[in-house]
PDB file of N, CA and C in Angstrom:
ATOM      1  N   UNK A   1     -60.221 -34.995  89.978  1.00  0.00           N
ATOM      2  CA  UNK A   1     -60.885 -33.709  90.133  1.00  0.00           C
ATOM      3  C   UNK A   1     -61.598 -33.349  88.826  1.00  0.00           C
ATOM      4  N   UNK A   2     -62.770 -32.756  88.980  1.00  0.00           N
ATOM      5  CA  UNK A   2     -63.520 -32.353  87.791  1.00  0.00           C
ATOM      6  C   UNK A   2     -63.632 -30.834  87.754  1.00  0.00           C
ATOM      7  N   UNK A   3     -63.948 -30.333  86.589  1.00  0.00           N
ATOM      8  CA  UNK A   3     -64.095 -28.883  86.429  1.00  0.00           C
ATOM      9  C   UNK A   3     -65.250 -28.344  87.262  1.00  0.00           C
ATOM     10  N   UNK A   4     -66.281 -29.171  87.475  1.00  0.00           N
ATOM     11  CA  UNK A   4     -67.428 -28.709  88.263  1.00  0.00           C
ATOM     12  C   UNK A   4     -67.106 -28.600  89.749  1.00  0.00           C
ATOM     13  N   UNK A   5     -65.937 -29.099  90.162  1.00  0.00           N
ATOM     14  CA  UNK A   5     -65.534 -28.891  91.552  1.00  0.00           C
ATOM     15  C   UNK A   5     -64.868 -27.518  91.714  1.00  0.00           C
ATOM     16  N   UNK A   6     -64.557 -26.861  90.598  1.00  0.00           N
ATOM     17  CA  UNK A   6     -63.926 -25.542  90.621  1.00  0.00           C
ATOM     18  C   UNK A   6     -64.897 -24.471  90.125  1.00  0.00           C
ATOM     19  N   UNK A   7     -65.662 -24.809  89.088  1.00  0.00           N
ATOM     20  CA  UNK A   7     -66.613 -23.871  88.469  1.00  0.00           C
ATOM     21  C   UNK A   7     -68.034 -24.384  88.674  1.00  0.00           C
ATOM     22  N   UNK A   8     -68.998 -23.484  88.766  1.00  0.00           N
ATOM     23  CA  UNK A   8     -70.383 -23.921  88.955  1.00  0.00           C
ATOM     24  C   UNK A   8     -70.929 -24.534  87.662  1.00  0.00           C
ATOM     25  N   UNK A   9     -71.774 -25.532  87.836  1.00  0.00           N
ATOM     26  CA  UNK A   9     -72.381 -26.204  86.686  1.00  0.00           C
ATOM     27  C   UNK A   9     -73.197 -25.218  85.854  1.00  0.00           C
ATOM     28  N   UNK A  10     -73.902 -24.291  86.516  1.00  0.00           N
ATOM     29  CA  UNK A  10     -74.703 -23.291  85.798  1.00  0.00           C
ATOM     30  C   UNK A  10     -73.826 -22.397  84.932  1.00  0.00           C
ATOM     31  N   UNK A  11     -72.696 -21.957  85.492  1.00  0.00           N
ATOM     32  CA  UNK A  11     -71.789 -21.087  84.737  1.00  0.00           C
ATOM     33  C   UNK A  11     -71.189 -21.841  83.545  1.00  0.00           C
ATOM     34  N   UNK A  12     -70.836 -23.100  83.748  1.00  0.00           N
ATOM     35  CA  UNK A  12     -70.310 -23.911  82.641  1.00  0.00           C
ATOM     36  C   UNK A  12     -71.360 -24.038  81.551  1.00  0.00           C
ATOM     37  N   UNK A  13     -72.612 -24.330  81.932  1.00  0.00           N
ATOM     38  CA  UNK A  13     -73.700 -24.462  80.952  1.00  0.00           C
ATOM     39  C   UNK A  13     -73.890 -23.172  80.157  1.00  0.00           C
ATOM     40  N   UNK A  14     -73.857 -22.030  80.843  1.00  0.00           N
ATOM     41  CA  UNK A  14     -74.023 -20.745  80.155  1.00  0.00           C
ATOM     42  C   UNK A  14     -72.890 -20.517  79.159  1.00  0.00           C
ATOM     43  N   UNK A  15     -71.675 -20.834  79.561  1.00  0.00           N
ATOM     44  CA  UNK A  15     -70.519 -20.629  78.679  1.00  0.00           C
ATOM     45  C   UNK A  15     -70.602 -21.541  77.453  1.00  0.00           C
ATOM     46  N   UNK A  16     -71.008 -22.777  77.646  1.00  0.00           N
ATOM     47  CA  UNK A  16     -71.142 -23.727  76.528  1.00  0.00           C
ATOM     48  C   UNK A  16     -72.246 -23.263  75.581  1.00  0.00           C
ATOM     49  N   UNK A  17     -73.373 -22.828  76.128  1.00  0.00           N
ATOM     50  CA  UNK A  17     -74.492 -22.370  75.291  1.00  0.00           C
ATOM     51  C   UNK A  17     -74.112 -21.135  74.486  1.00  0.00           C
ATOM     52  N   UNK A  18     -73.257 -20.294  75.043  1.00  0.00           N
ATOM     53  CA  UNK A  18     -72.854 -19.064  74.363  1.00  0.00           C
ATOM     54  C   UNK A  18     -72.070 -19.333  73.077  1.00  0.00           C
ATOM     55  N   UNK A  19     -71.440 -20.480  72.995  1.00  0.00           N
ATOM     56  CA  UNK A  19     -70.601 -20.763  71.815  1.00  0.00           C
ATOM     57  C   UNK A  19     -71.025 -22.051  71.101  1.00  0.00           C
ATOM     58  N   UNK A  20     -72.320 -22.307  71.067  1.00  0.00           N
ATOM     59  CA  UNK A  20     -72.835 -23.505  70.401  1.00  0.00           C
ATOM     60  C   UNK A  20     -72.619 -23.489  68.891  1.00  0.00           C
ATOM     61  N   UNK A  21     -72.737 -22.338  68.288  1.00  0.00           N
ATOM     62  CA  UNK A  21     -72.600 -22.251  66.829  1.00  0.00           C
ATOM     63  C   UNK A  21     -71.132 -22.386  66.431  1.00  0.00           C
ATOM     64  N   UNK A  22     -70.859 -23.107  65.346  1.00  0.00           N
ATOM     65  CA  UNK A  22     -69.477 -23.220  64.871  1.00  0.00           C
ATOM     66  C   UNK A  22     -68.862 -21.832  64.640  1.00  0.00           C
ATOM     67  N   UNK A  23     -67.601 -21.704  64.964  1.00  0.00           N
ATOM     68  CA  UNK A  23     -66.829 -20.466  64.809  1.00  0.00           C
ATOM     69  C   UNK A  23     -67.335 -19.315  65.684  1.00  0.00           C
ATOM     70  N   UNK A  24     -68.016 -19.648  66.789  1.00  0.00           N
ATOM     71  CA  UNK A  24     -68.473 -18.609  67.718  1.00  0.00           C
ATOM     72  C   UNK A  24     -67.687 -18.628  69.032  1.00  0.00           C
ATOM     73  N   UNK A  25     -66.736 -19.541  69.174  1.00  0.00           N
ATOM     74  CA  UNK A  25     -65.972 -19.666  70.417  1.00  0.00           C
ATOM     75  C   UNK A  25     -64.913 -18.568  70.527  1.00  0.00           C
ATOM     76  N   UNK A  26     -64.917 -17.884  71.664  1.00  0.00           N
ATOM     77  CA  UNK A  26     -63.909 -16.882  71.988  1.00  0.00           C
ATOM     78  C   UNK A  26     -63.376 -17.250  73.373  1.00  0.00           C
ATOM     79  N   UNK A  27     -62.105 -17.638  73.478  1.00  0.00           N
ATOM     80  CA  UNK A  27     -61.588 -18.101  74.773  1.00  0.00           C
ATOM     81  C   UNK A  27     -61.799 -17.112  75.909  1.00  0.00           C
ATOM     82  N   UNK A  28     -61.482 -15.845  75.687  1.00  0.00           N
ATOM     83  CA  UNK A  28     -61.607 -14.859  76.771  1.00  0.00           C
ATOM     84  C   UNK A  28     -63.056 -14.727  77.239  1.00  0.00           C
ATOM     85  N   UNK A  29     -63.983 -14.696  76.300  1.00  0.00           N
ATOM     86  CA  UNK A  29     -65.404 -14.598  76.656  1.00  0.00           C
ATOM     87  C   UNK A  29     -65.844 -15.862  77.390  1.00  0.00           C
ATOM     88  N   UNK A  30     -65.395 -17.009  76.914  1.00  0.00           N
ATOM     89  CA  UNK A  30     -65.740 -18.280  77.548  1.00  0.00           C
ATOM     90  C   UNK A  30     -65.247 -18.297  79.001  1.00  0.00           C
ATOM     91  N   UNK A  31     -63.992 -17.892  79.225  1.00  0.00           N
ATOM     92  CA  UNK A  31     -63.427 -17.885  80.576  1.00  0.00           C
ATOM     93  C   UNK A  31     -64.197 -16.940  81.494  1.00  0.00           C
ATOM     94  N   UNK A  32     -64.635 -15.824  80.937  1.00  0.00           N
ATOM     95  CA  UNK A  32     -65.390 -14.857  81.724  1.00  0.00           C
ATOM     96  C   UNK A  32     -66.758 -15.424  82.108  1.00  0.00           C
ATOM     97  N   UNK A  33     -67.473 -15.983  81.136  1.00  0.00           N
ATOM     98  CA  UNK A  33     -68.821 -16.498  81.398  1.00  0.00           C
ATOM     99  C   UNK A  33     -68.791 -17.681  82.370  1.00  0.00           C
ATOM    100  N   UNK A  34     -67.819 -18.575  82.218  1.00  0.00           N
ATOM    101  CA  UNK A  34     -67.781 -19.753  83.092  1.00  0.00           C
ATOM    102  C   UNK A  34     -67.238 -19.423  84.487  1.00  0.00           C
ATOM    103  N   UNK A  35     -66.717 -18.209  84.669  1.00  0.00           N
ATOM    104  CA  UNK A  35     -66.258 -17.780  85.974  1.00  0.00           C
ATOM    105  C   UNK A  35     -64.789 -18.030  86.257  1.00  0.00           C
ATOM    106  N   UNK A  36     -64.063 -18.535  85.280  1.00  0.00           N
ATOM    107  CA  UNK A  36     -62.650 -18.854  85.509  1.00  0.00           C
ATOM    108  C   UNK A  36     -61.821 -17.601  85.776  1.00  0.00           C
ATOM    109  N   UNK A  37     -62.196 -16.475  85.179  1.00  0.00           N
ATOM    110  CA  UNK A  37     -61.432 -15.239  85.370  1.00  0.00           C
ATOM    111  C   UNK A  37     -61.504 -14.740  86.816  1.00  0.00           C
ATOM    112  N   UNK A  38     -62.459 -15.228  87.576  1.00  0.00           N
ATOM    113  CA  UNK A  38     -62.619 -14.814  88.972  1.00  0.00           C
ATOM    114  C   UNK A  38     -61.944 -15.776  89.950  1.00  0.00           C
ATOM    115  N   UNK A  39     -61.320 -16.800  89.431  1.00  0.00           N
ATOM    116  CA  UNK A  39     -60.705 -17.820  90.284  1.00  0.00           C
ATOM    117  C   UNK A  39     -59.255 -17.475  90.622  1.00  0.00           C
ATOM    118  N   UNK A  40     -58.738 -18.130  91.630  1.00  0.00           N
ATOM    119  CA  UNK A  40     -57.362 -17.910  92.070  1.00  0.00           C
ATOM    120  C   UNK A  40     -56.380 -18.540  91.079  1.00  0.00           C
ATOM    121  N   UNK A  41     -55.135 -18.070  91.080  1.00  0.00           N
ATOM    122  CA  UNK A  41     -54.117 -18.705  90.232  1.00  0.00           C
ATOM    123  C   UNK A  41     -53.999 -20.214  90.491  1.00  0.00           C
ATOM    124  N   UNK A  42     -54.200 -20.630  91.723  1.00  0.00           N
ATOM    125  CA  UNK A  42     -54.140 -22.065  92.039  1.00  0.00           C
ATOM    126  C   UNK A  42     -55.279 -22.823  91.353  1.00  0.00           C
ATOM    127  N   UNK A  43     -56.482 -22.239  91.367  1.00  0.00           N
ATOM    128  CA  UNK A  43     -57.613 -22.882  90.693  1.00  0.00           C
ATOM    129  C   UNK A  43     -57.405 -22.916  89.180  1.00  0.00           C
ATOM    130  N   UNK A  44     -56.845 -21.858  88.629  1.00  0.00           N
ATOM    131  CA  UNK A  44     -56.579 -21.816  87.187  1.00  0.00           C
ATOM    132  C   UNK A  44     -55.567 -22.907  86.833  1.00  0.00           C
ATOM    133  N   UNK A  45     -54.585 -23.099  87.690  1.00  0.00           N
ATOM    134  CA  UNK A  45     -53.586 -24.155  87.468  1.00  0.00           C
ATOM    135  C   UNK A  45     -54.237 -25.540  87.531  1.00  0.00           C
ATOM    136  N   UNK A  46     -55.204 -25.709  88.431  1.00  0.00           N
ATOM    137  CA  UNK A  46     -55.931 -26.988  88.533  1.00  0.00           C
ATOM    138  C   UNK A  46     -56.729 -27.238  87.246  1.00  0.00           C
ATOM    139  N   UNK A  47     -57.381 -26.188  86.744  1.00  0.00           N
ATOM    140  CA  UNK A  47     -58.151 -26.311  85.502  1.00  0.00           C
ATOM    141  C   UNK A  47     -57.211 -26.678  84.359  1.00  0.00           C
ATOM    142  N   UNK A  48     -56.049 -26.030  84.296  1.00  0.00           N
ATOM    143  CA  UNK A  48     -55.065 -26.365  83.266  1.00  0.00           C
ATOM    144  C   UNK A  48     -54.716 -27.852  83.347  1.00  0.00           C
ATOM    145  N   UNK A  49     -54.493 -28.360  84.541  1.00  0.00           N
ATOM    146  CA  UNK A  49     -54.150 -29.775  84.722  1.00  0.00           C
ATOM    147  C   UNK A  49     -55.230 -30.710  84.207  1.00  0.00           C
ATOM    148  N   UNK A  50     -56.480 -30.309  84.380  1.00  0.00           N
ATOM    149  CA  UNK A  50     -57.598 -31.122  83.876  1.00  0.00           C
ATOM    150  C   UNK A  50     -57.647 -31.068  82.347  1.00  0.00           C
ATOM    151  N   UNK A  51     -57.385 -29.897  81.782  1.00  0.00           N
ATOM    152  CA  UNK A  51     -57.432 -29.738  80.325  1.00  0.00           C
ATOM    153  C   UNK A  51     -56.242 -30.390  79.625  1.00  0.00           C
ATOM    154  N   UNK A  52     -55.126 -30.508  80.336  1.00  0.00           N
ATOM    155  CA  UNK A  52     -53.931 -31.164  79.810  1.00  0.00           C
ATOM    156  C   UNK A  52     -54.151 -32.671  79.903  1.00  0.00           C
ATOM    157  N   UNK A  53     -54.914 -33.183  78.972  1.00  0.00           N
ATOM    158  CA  UNK A  53     -55.408 -34.564  79.005  1.00  0.00           C
ATOM    159  C   UNK A  53     -54.299 -35.607  79.091  1.00  0.00           C
ATOM    160  N   UNK A  54     -53.171 -35.364  78.437  1.00  0.00           N
ATOM    161  CA  UNK A  54     -52.091 -36.359  78.442  1.00  0.00           C
ATOM    162  C   UNK A  54     -51.017 -36.069  79.495  1.00  0.00           C
ATOM    163  N   UNK A  55     -51.266 -35.086  80.347  1.00  0.00           N
ATOM    164  CA  UNK A  55     -50.351 -34.710  81.442  1.00  0.00           C
ATOM    165  C   UNK A  55     -48.933 -34.406  80.955  1.00  0.00           C
ATOM    166  N   UNK A  56     -48.851 -33.786  79.775  1.00  0.00           N
ATOM    167  CA  UNK A  56     -47.546 -33.456  79.188  1.00  0.00           C
ATOM    168  C   UNK A  56     -46.996 -32.133  79.720  1.00  0.00           C
ATOM    169  N   UNK A  57     -47.847 -31.378  80.409  1.00  0.00           N
ATOM    170  CA  UNK A  57     -47.450 -30.050  80.855  1.00  0.00           C
ATOM    171  C   UNK A  57     -47.838 -28.973  79.857  1.00  0.00           C
ATOM    172  N   UNK A  58     -48.479 -29.391  78.780  1.00  0.00           N
ATOM    173  CA  UNK A  58     -48.908 -28.472  77.725  1.00  0.00           C
ATOM    174  C   UNK A  58     -50.272 -28.894  77.197  1.00  0.00           C
ATOM    175  N   UNK A  59     -51.010 -27.911  76.681  1.00  0.00           N
ATOM    176  CA  UNK A  59     -52.241 -28.199  75.944  1.00  0.00           C
ATOM    177  C   UNK A  59     -51.890 -28.017  74.472  1.00  0.00           C
ATOM    178  N   UNK A  60     -51.975 -29.096  73.718  1.00  0.00           N
ATOM    179  CA  UNK A  60     -51.635 -29.075  72.296  1.00  0.00           C
ATOM    180  C   UNK A  60     -52.899 -29.031  71.441  1.00  0.00           C
ATOM    181  N   UNK A  61     -52.686 -28.886  70.126  1.00  0.00           N
ATOM    182  CA  UNK A  61     -53.768 -28.823  69.133  1.00  0.00           C
ATOM    183  C   UNK A  61     -54.887 -29.826  69.391  1.00  0.00           C
ATOM    184  N   UNK A  62     -54.518 -31.088  69.503  1.00  0.00           N
ATOM    185  CA  UNK A  62     -55.499 -32.165  69.636  1.00  0.00           C
ATOM    186  C   UNK A  62     -56.340 -31.963  70.896  1.00  0.00           C
ATOM    187  N   UNK A  63     -55.729 -31.528  71.978  1.00  0.00           N
ATOM    188  CA  UNK A  63     -56.478 -31.286  73.211  1.00  0.00           C
ATOM    189  C   UNK A  63     -57.368 -30.055  73.069  1.00  0.00           C
ATOM    190  N   UNK A  64     -56.913 -29.053  72.337  1.00  0.00           N
ATOM    191  CA  UNK A  64     -57.714 -27.845  72.135  1.00  0.00           C
ATOM    192  C   UNK A  64     -58.996 -28.138  71.369  1.00  0.00           C
ATOM    193  N   UNK A  65     -58.926 -29.023  70.386  1.00  0.00           N
ATOM    194  CA  UNK A  65     -60.127 -29.358  69.600  1.00  0.00           C
ATOM    195  C   UNK A  65     -61.263 -29.809  70.502  1.00  0.00           C
ATOM    196  N   UNK A  66     -60.907 -30.549  71.546  1.00  0.00           N
ATOM    197  CA  UNK A  66     -61.917 -31.131  72.435  1.00  0.00           C
ATOM    198  C   UNK A  66     -62.075 -30.329  73.733  1.00  0.00           C
ATOM    199  N   UNK A  67     -61.609 -29.079  73.711  1.00  0.00           N
ATOM    200  CA  UNK A  67     -61.638 -28.197  74.876  1.00  0.00           C
ATOM    201  C   UNK A  67     -63.027 -28.121  75.514  1.00  0.00           C
ATOM    202  N   UNK A  68     -64.057 -27.831  74.720  1.00  0.00           N
ATOM    203  CA  UNK A  68     -65.403 -27.672  75.265  1.00  0.00           C
ATOM    204  C   UNK A  68     -65.925 -28.971  75.872  1.00  0.00           C
ATOM    205  N   UNK A  69     -65.537 -30.099  75.299  1.00  0.00           N
ATOM    206  CA  UNK A  69     -66.001 -31.385  75.805  1.00  0.00           C
ATOM    207  C   UNK A  69     -65.388 -31.727  77.160  1.00  0.00           C
ATOM    208  N   UNK A  70     -64.298 -31.092  77.536  1.00  0.00           N
ATOM    209  CA  UNK A  70     -63.721 -31.286  78.870  1.00  0.00           C
ATOM    210  C   UNK A  70     -64.634 -30.630  79.919  1.00  0.00           C
ATOM    211  N   UNK A  71     -65.393 -29.618  79.504  1.00  0.00           N
ATOM    212  CA  UNK A  71     -66.329 -28.944  80.402  1.00  0.00           C
ATOM    213  C   UNK A  71     -67.676 -29.666  80.419  1.00  0.00           C
ATOM    214  N   UNK A  72     -68.148 -30.055  79.234  1.00  0.00           N
ATOM    215  CA  UNK A  72     -69.417 -30.767  79.073  1.00  0.00           C
ATOM    216  C   UNK A  72     -69.225 -31.811  77.981  1.00  0.00           C
ATOM    217  N   UNK A  73     -69.286 -33.094  78.320  1.00  0.00           N
ATOM    218  CA  UNK A  73     -69.004 -34.145  77.331  1.00  0.00           C
ATOM    219  C   UNK A  73     -69.842 -34.069  76.050  1.00  0.00           C
ATOM    220  N   UNK A  74     -71.053 -33.520  76.135  1.00  0.00           N
ATOM    221  CA  UNK A  74     -71.913 -33.441  74.948  1.00  0.00           C
ATOM    222  C   UNK A  74     -71.657 -32.195  74.104  1.00  0.00           C
ATOM    223  N   UNK A  75     -70.743 -31.341  74.522  1.00  0.00           N
ATOM    224  CA  UNK A  75     -70.446 -30.113  73.776  1.00  0.00           C
ATOM    225  C   UNK A  75     -69.791 -30.436  72.440  1.00  0.00           C
ATOM    226  N   UNK A  76     -69.817 -29.470  71.550  1.00  0.00           N
ATOM    227  CA  UNK A  76     -69.247 -29.662  70.223  1.00  0.00           C
ATOM    228  C   UNK A  76     -67.710 -29.607  70.258  1.00  0.00           C
ATOM    229  N   UNK A  77     -67.117 -30.053  69.180  1.00  0.00           N
ATOM    230  CA  UNK A  77     -65.670 -29.961  68.985  1.00  0.00           C
ATOM    231  C   UNK A  77     -65.382 -28.585  68.384  1.00  0.00           C
ATOM    232  N   UNK A  78     -64.281 -27.966  68.778  1.00  0.00           N
ATOM    233  CA  UNK A  78     -63.915 -26.679  68.177  1.00  0.00           C
ATOM    234  C   UNK A  78     -63.543 -26.881  66.711  1.00  0.00           C
ATOM    235  N   UNK A  79     -63.864 -25.907  65.892  1.00  0.00           N
ATOM    236  CA  UNK A  79     -63.489 -25.974  64.478  1.00  0.00           C
ATOM    237  C   UNK A  79     -61.978 -25.760  64.369  1.00  0.00           C
ATOM    238  N   UNK A  80     -61.422 -26.083  63.209  1.00  0.00           N
ATOM    239  CA  UNK A  80     -59.984 -25.864  62.992  1.00  0.00           C
ATOM    240  C   UNK A  80     -59.638 -24.378  63.139  1.00  0.00           C
ATOM    241  N   UNK A  81     -60.519 -23.523  62.652  1.00  0.00           N
ATOM    242  CA  UNK A  81     -60.307 -22.075  62.750  1.00  0.00           C
ATOM    243  C   UNK A  81     -60.273 -21.629  64.215  1.00  0.00           C
ATOM    244  N   UNK A  82     -61.207 -22.132  65.019  1.00  0.00           N
ATOM    245  CA  UNK A  82     -61.258 -21.783  66.440  1.00  0.00           C
ATOM    246  C   UNK A  82     -60.039 -22.322  67.184  1.00  0.00           C
ATOM    247  N   UNK A  83     -59.653 -23.544  66.856  1.00  0.00           N
ATOM    248  CA  UNK A  83     -58.498 -24.167  67.496  1.00  0.00           C
ATOM    249  C   UNK A  83     -57.235 -23.352  67.230  1.00  0.00           C
ATOM    250  N   UNK A  84     -57.057 -22.959  65.971  1.00  0.00           N
ATOM    251  CA  UNK A  84     -55.874 -22.172  65.596  1.00  0.00           C
ATOM    252  C   UNK A  84     -55.881 -20.808  66.279  1.00  0.00           C
ATOM    253  N   UNK A  85     -57.047 -20.150  66.300  1.00  0.00           N
ATOM    254  CA  UNK A  85     -57.159 -18.832  66.936  1.00  0.00           C
ATOM    255  C   UNK A  85     -56.891 -18.925  68.441  1.00  0.00           C
ATOM    256  N   UNK A  86     -57.380 -19.971  69.080  1.00  0.00           N
ATOM    257  CA  UNK A  86     -57.165 -20.201  70.508  1.00  0.00           C
ATOM    258  C   UNK A  86     -55.665 -20.375  70.764  1.00  0.00           C
ATOM    259  N   UNK A  87     -55.023 -21.189  69.949  1.00  0.00           N
ATOM    260  CA  UNK A  87     -53.592 -21.439  70.104  1.00  0.00           C
ATOM    261  C   UNK A  87     -52.793 -20.150  69.920  1.00  0.00           C
ATOM    262  N   UNK A  88     -53.121 -19.392  68.899  1.00  0.00           N
ATOM    263  CA  UNK A  88     -52.419 -18.129  68.634  1.00  0.00           C
ATOM    264  C   UNK A  88     -52.607 -17.151  69.798  1.00  0.00           C
ATOM    265  N   UNK A  89     -53.821 -17.098  70.355  1.00  0.00           N
ATOM    266  CA  UNK A  89     -54.114 -16.173  71.453  1.00  0.00           C
ATOM    267  C   UNK A  89     -53.333 -16.498  72.722  1.00  0.00           C
ATOM    268  N   UNK A  90     -53.071 -17.780  72.943  1.00  0.00           N
ATOM    269  CA  UNK A  90     -52.446 -18.197  74.209  1.00  0.00           C
ATOM    270  C   UNK A  90     -50.966 -18.524  74.112  1.00  0.00           C
ATOM    271  N   UNK A  91     -50.491 -18.878  72.925  1.00  0.00           N
ATOM    272  CA  UNK A  91     -49.124 -19.381  72.762  1.00  0.00           C
ATOM    273  C   UNK A  91     -48.119 -18.235  72.686  1.00  0.00           C
ATOM    274  N   UNK A  92     -47.750 -17.714  73.846  1.00  0.00           N
ATOM    275  CA  UNK A  92     -46.862 -16.560  73.915  1.00  0.00           C
ATOM    276  C   UNK A  92     -45.479 -16.767  73.341  1.00  0.00           C
ATOM    277  N   UNK A  93     -44.956 -17.986  73.419  1.00  0.00           N
ATOM    278  CA  UNK A  93     -43.601 -18.242  72.917  1.00  0.00           C
ATOM    279  C   UNK A  93     -43.587 -18.911  71.543  1.00  0.00           C
ATOM    280  N   UNK A  94     -44.753 -19.033  70.922  1.00  0.00           N
ATOM    281  CA  UNK A  94     -44.899 -19.571  69.558  1.00  0.00           C
ATOM    282  C   UNK A  94     -44.288 -20.955  69.373  1.00  0.00           C
ATOM    283  N   UNK A  95     -44.408 -21.820  70.396  1.00  0.00           N
ATOM    284  CA  UNK A  95     -43.880 -23.181  70.260  1.00  0.00           C
ATOM    285  C   UNK A  95     -44.949 -24.185  69.832  1.00  0.00           C
ATOM    286  N   UNK A  96     -46.158 -23.696  69.534  1.00  0.00           N
ATOM    287  CA  UNK A  96     -47.216 -24.567  69.033  1.00  0.00           C
ATOM    288  C   UNK A  96     -47.993 -25.287  70.114  1.00  0.00           C
ATOM    289  N   UNK A  97     -47.852 -24.854  71.364  1.00  0.00           N
ATOM    290  CA  UNK A  97     -48.578 -25.466  72.474  1.00  0.00           C
ATOM    291  C   UNK A  97     -48.726 -24.439  73.586  1.00  0.00           C
ATOM    292  N   UNK A  98     -49.649 -24.716  74.501  1.00  0.00           N
ATOM    293  CA  UNK A  98     -49.949 -23.774  75.575  1.00  0.00           C
ATOM    294  C   UNK A  98     -49.464 -24.353  76.901  1.00  0.00           C
ATOM    295  N   UNK A  99     -48.554 -23.651  77.540  1.00  0.00           N
ATOM    296  CA  UNK A  99     -48.079 -24.050  78.859  1.00  0.00           C
ATOM    297  C   UNK A  99     -48.970 -23.466  79.944  1.00  0.00           C
ATOM    298  N   UNK A 100     -48.757 -23.898  81.176  1.00  0.00           N
ATOM    299  CA  UNK A 100     -49.590 -23.448  82.297  1.00  0.00           C
ATOM    300  C   UNK A 100     -49.531 -21.937  82.475  1.00  0.00           C
ATOM    301  N   UNK A 101     -48.342 -21.351  82.383  1.00  0.00           N
ATOM    302  CA  UNK A 101     -48.204 -19.900  82.561  1.00  0.00           C
ATOM    303  C   UNK A 101     -48.915 -19.147  81.430  1.00  0.00           C
ATOM    304  N   UNK A 102     -48.798 -19.670  80.214  1.00  0.00           N
ATOM    305  CA  UNK A 102     -49.479 -19.030  79.070  1.00  0.00           C
ATOM    306  C   UNK A 102     -50.991 -19.112  79.234  1.00  0.00           C
ATOM    307  N   UNK A 103     -51.486 -20.247  79.717  1.00  0.00           N
ATOM    308  CA  UNK A 103     -52.904 -20.424  79.944  1.00  0.00           C
ATOM    309  C   UNK A 103     -53.395 -19.420  80.991  1.00  0.00           C
ATOM    310  N   UNK A 104     -52.672 -19.304  82.079  1.00  0.00           N
ATOM    311  CA  UNK A 104     -53.052 -18.374  83.140  1.00  0.00           C
ATOM    312  C   UNK A 104     -53.046 -16.941  82.629  1.00  0.00           C
ATOM    313  N   UNK A 105     -52.047 -16.583  81.842  1.00  0.00           N
ATOM    314  CA  UNK A 105     -51.986 -15.235  81.283  1.00  0.00           C
ATOM    315  C   UNK A 105     -53.203 -14.948  80.417  1.00  0.00           C
ATOM    316  N   UNK A 106     -53.601 -15.908  79.575  1.00  0.00           N
ATOM    317  CA  UNK A 106     -54.782 -15.719  78.728  1.00  0.00           C
ATOM    318  C   UNK A 106     -56.041 -15.581  79.579  1.00  0.00           C
ATOM    319  N   UNK A 107     -56.197 -16.435  80.570  1.00  0.00           N
ATOM    320  CA  UNK A 107     -57.392 -16.395  81.408  1.00  0.00           C
ATOM    321  C   UNK A 107     -57.503 -15.057  82.131  1.00  0.00           C
ATOM    322  N   UNK A 108     -56.406 -14.557  82.663  1.00  0.00           N
ATOM    323  CA  UNK A 108     -56.444 -13.359  83.493  1.00  0.00           C
ATOM    324  C   UNK A 108     -56.275 -12.046  82.724  1.00  0.00           C
ATOM    325  N   UNK A 109     -56.036 -12.144  81.402  1.00  0.00           N
ATOM    326  CA  UNK A 109     -55.825 -10.906  80.637  1.00  0.00           C
ATOM    327  C   UNK A 109     -57.130 -10.253  80.227  1.00  0.00           C
TER     328      UNK A 109
END
């Protein structure tokens, strides 16, 4: 399954273009622009599964760096500052990784 089977290609393109400049990525804004905030909890869980590249049940630092490239392969890598801010915003239990429930909470908040 690909992200474009859940989100429209146009919405993904708009979200990627919005955060092209380094240190301009904001997860909540990105989720809103790409349309993820309007999706069902089941669709959000599917997106989490796609982003969880190693199928560990968590999105870790290394996967977060390449977050945008999961949506568009030619997109930039997140900066260390953006990666850390994303992790802090979503990691409700402070274990250094984002679980499916934490991801859903961030998307829908």
